[in-house]
C-alpha atoms as a PDB file:
ATOM      1  CA  MET A   1      36.135  45.422   4.050  1.00  0.00           C
ATOM      2  CA  ARG A   2      34.898  42.228   6.194  1.00  0.00           C
ATOM      3  CA  HIS A   3      34.342  39.149   4.126  1.00  0.00           C
ATOM      4  CA  THR A   4      32.201  36.540   5.627  1.00  0.00           C
ATOM      5  CA  PRO A   5      31.693  32.820   4.407  1.00  0.00           C
ATOM      6  CA  ALA A   6      28.580  33.845   2.263  1.00  0.00           C
ATOM      7  CA  GLY A   7      30.477  36.787   0.778  1.00  0.00           C
ATOM      8  CA  ASN A   8      31.300  40.495   1.203  1.00  0.00           C
ATOM      9  CA  VAL A   9      28.979  42.290   3.720  1.00  0.00           C
ATOM     10  CA  ALA A  10      29.797  45.263   1.836  1.00  0.00           C
ATOM     11  CA  ASP A  11      28.487  44.824  -1.791  1.00  0.00           C
ATOM     12  CA  SER A  12      25.714  46.328  -3.541  1.00  0.00           C
ATOM     13  CA  GLN A  13      22.611  44.234  -1.839  1.00  0.00           C
ATOM     14  CA  CYS A  14      23.832  45.155   1.341  1.00  0.00           C
ATOM     15  CA  ALA A  15      23.865  48.696   1.142  1.00  0.00           C
ATOM     16  CA  LEU A  16      20.686  48.316  -0.843  1.00  0.00           C
ATOM     17  CA  ILE A  17      18.819  46.959   2.375  1.00  0.00           C
ATOM     18  CA  ILE A  18      20.920  49.570   4.667  1.00  0.00           C
ATOM     19  CA  GLY A  19      19.644  52.403   2.507  1.00  0.00           C
ATOM     20  CA  LEU A  20      15.869  50.934   2.654  1.00  0.00           C
ATOM     21  CA  VAL A  21      15.696  51.209   6.158  1.00  0.00           C
ATOM     22  CA  ALA A  22      17.464  54.411   6.497  1.00  0.00           C
ATOM     23  CA  GLY A  23      15.130  55.976   3.691  1.00  0.00           C
ATOM     24  CA  ALA A  24      11.962  54.483   6.074  1.00  0.00           C
ATOM     25  CA  LEU A  25      13.135  55.886   9.209  1.00  0.00           C
ATOM     26  CA  ALA A  26      13.946  59.395   7.570  1.00  0.00           C
ATOM     27  CA  ALA A  27      10.417  59.521   5.841  1.00  0.00           C
ATOM     28  CA  GLY A  28       8.615  58.098   9.430  1.00  0.00           C
ATOM     29  CA  LEU A  29      11.122  61.300  11.084  1.00  0.00           C
ATOM     30  CA  ALA A  30      10.026  63.579   8.778  1.00  0.00           C
ATOM     31  CA  SER A  31       6.438  62.854   8.869  1.00  0.00           C
ATOM     32  CA  ARG A  32       6.617  63.099  12.776  1.00  0.00           C
ATOM     33  CA  GLN A  33       4.548  60.067  13.403  1.00  0.00           C
ATOM     34  CA  PHE A  34       7.349  57.907  13.964  1.00  0.00           C
ATOM     35  CA  ALA A  35       6.661  56.340  17.527  1.00  0.00           C
ATOM     36  CA  PRO A  36       8.004  53.390  18.630  1.00  0.00           C
ATOM     37  CA  ARG A  37       6.141  51.324  20.685  1.00  0.00           C
ATOM     38  CA  TRP A  38       6.268  47.429  21.805  1.00  0.00           C
ATOM     39  CA  PRO A  39       3.704  45.196  19.556  1.00  0.00           C
ATOM     40  CA  THR A  40       0.472  44.085  21.097  1.00  0.00           C
ATOM     41  CA  TRP A  41      -0.182  40.153  21.028  1.00  0.00           C
ATOM     42  CA  ARG A  42      -2.920  40.733  18.116  1.00  0.00           C
ATOM     43  CA  ASP A  43      -0.516  42.954  16.296  1.00  0.00           C
ATOM     44  CA  ALA A  44       2.284  40.486  16.638  1.00  0.00           C
ATOM     45  CA  ALA A  45       0.429  37.337  15.799  1.00  0.00           C
ATOM     46  CA  ARG A  46      -0.909  39.292  12.854  1.00  0.00           C
ATOM     47  CA  GLY A  47       2.102  40.213  11.901  1.00  0.00           C
ATOM     48  CA  LEU A  48       3.331  36.343  11.881  1.00  0.00           C
ATOM     49  CA  THR A  49      -0.006  35.169  10.198  1.00  0.00           C
ATOM     50  CA  GLY A  50       0.959  37.601   6.867  1.00  0.00           C
ATOM     51  CA  GLY A  51       4.688  36.548   6.790  1.00  0.00           C
ATOM     52  CA  VAL A  52       4.050  33.012   6.793  1.00  0.00           C
ATOM     53  CA  LEU A  53       1.301  33.709   4.404  1.00  0.00           C
ATOM     54  CA  LEU A  54       3.964  35.835   2.067  1.00  0.00           C
ATOM     55  CA  GLY A  55       6.497  32.983   2.917  1.00  0.00           C
ATOM     56  CA  TRP A  56       4.176  30.257   1.494  1.00  0.00           C
ATOM     57  CA  GLY A  57       2.957  32.485  -1.586  1.00  0.00           C
ATOM     58  CA  ALA A  58       6.534  33.147  -2.608  1.00  0.00           C
ATOM     59  CA  MET A  59       6.777  29.194  -2.503  1.00  0.00           C
ATOM     60  CA  ILE A  60       3.933  28.107  -3.998  1.00  0.00           C
ATOM     61  CA  GLY A  61       4.197  30.562  -6.327  1.00  0.00           C
ATOM     62  CA  LEU A  62       7.833  30.014  -7.663  1.00  0.00           C
ATOM     63  CA  GLY A  63       9.258  32.928  -6.673  1.00  0.00           C
ATOM     64  CA  CYS A  64       8.470  36.625  -5.396  1.00  0.00           C
ATOM     65  CA  THR A  65       6.341  39.221  -7.013  1.00  0.00           C
ATOM     66  CA  VAL A  66       8.791  41.876  -7.316  1.00  0.00           C
ATOM     67  CA  GLY A  67      10.955  39.312  -9.529  1.00  0.00           C
ATOM     68  CA  THR A  68       7.849  38.455 -11.559  1.00  0.00           C
ATOM     69  CA  LEU A  69       6.638  41.833 -12.521  1.00  0.00           C
ATOM     70  CA  LEU A  70       9.611  43.482 -12.830  1.00  0.00           C
ATOM     71  CA  SER A  71      11.699  41.287 -14.450  1.00  0.00           C
ATOM     72  CA  GLY A  72       8.598  39.884 -16.821  1.00  0.00           C
ATOM     73  CA  THR A  73       7.796  43.542 -17.877  1.00  0.00           C
ATOM     74  CA  MET A  74      11.472  44.603 -18.260  1.00  0.00           C
ATOM     75  CA  ALA A  75      12.266  41.229 -20.605  1.00  0.00           C
ATOM     76  CA  GLY A  76       8.340  42.213 -22.238  1.00  0.00           C
ATOM     77  CA  ALA A  77       7.185  39.404 -21.592  1.00  0.00           C
ATOM     78  CA  LEU A  78       3.553  38.579 -22.031  1.00  0.00           C
ATOM     79  CA  SER A  79       3.404  36.916 -18.596  1.00  0.00           C
ATOM     80  CA  GLY A  80       4.822  39.576 -17.029  1.00  0.00           C
ATOM     81  CA  TRP A  81       2.341  41.881 -18.526  1.00  0.00           C
ATOM     82  CA  VAL A  82      -0.757  39.890 -17.345  1.00  0.00           C
ATOM     83  CA  TYR A  83       0.889  38.938 -13.461  1.00  0.00           C
ATOM     84  CA  GLY A  84       1.466  42.808 -13.413  1.00  0.00           C
ATOM     85  CA  MET A  85      -2.884  43.432 -14.387  1.00  0.00           C
ATOM     86  CA  SER A  86      -3.425  40.056 -11.989  1.00  0.00           C
ATOM     87  CA  LEU A  87      -1.867  41.443  -9.238  1.00  0.00           C
ATOM     88  CA  PHE A  88      -3.696  45.495  -9.598  1.00  0.00           C
ATOM     89  CA  PHE A  89      -6.998  43.550  -9.482  1.00  0.00           C
ATOM     90  CA  ALA A  90      -5.970  41.393  -6.464  1.00  0.00           C
ATOM     91  CA  VAL A  91      -5.290  44.182  -4.141  1.00  0.00           C
ATOM     92  CA  TRP A  92      -7.770  46.543  -5.746  1.00  0.00           C
ATOM     93  CA  SER A  93     -10.782  43.568  -4.680  1.00  0.00           C
ATOM     94  CA  GLY A  94      -8.974  43.073  -1.226  1.00  0.00           C
ATOM     95  CA  LEU A  95      -9.380  46.765  -0.474  1.00  0.00           C
ATOM     96  CA  LYS A  96     -12.596  46.918  -1.796  1.00  0.00           C
ATOM     97  CA  ILE A  97     -13.866  43.945   1.053  1.00  0.00           C
ATOM     98  CA  LYS A  98     -11.645  45.375   3.147  1.00  0.00           C
ATOM     99  CA  GLN A  99     -13.853  48.570   3.142  1.00  0.00           C
ATOM    100  CA  VAL A 100     -16.514  46.477   3.137  1.00  0.00           C
ATOM    101  CA  ILE A 101     -15.659  44.109   6.306  1.00  0.00           C
ATOM    102  CA  LEU A 102     -14.360  46.999   8.352  1.00  0.00           C
ATOM    103  CA  PRO A 103     -15.982  50.178   7.091  1.00  0.00           C
END
């Protein structure tokens, strides 16, 4: 095992990230729809904008959606359940709006 100043590179969090990437690659290859390509300028701009908005939302929300939802519901806190229902409604609303704008 190699050690870096930040800690052990081969810890469980690193294994989780590697497993997620490997699983996504395996699913893409199994679906026979995996085709690497260079992004267009529009795709790159959309990805950058989405990343900035996600980072901004995590910053003003004082955390990430996964931590708020999973930690809150596992602890039995009402806030976790309220957040989960709000998140579901927001995603549902966003998809409905997208259907109207981009049929």
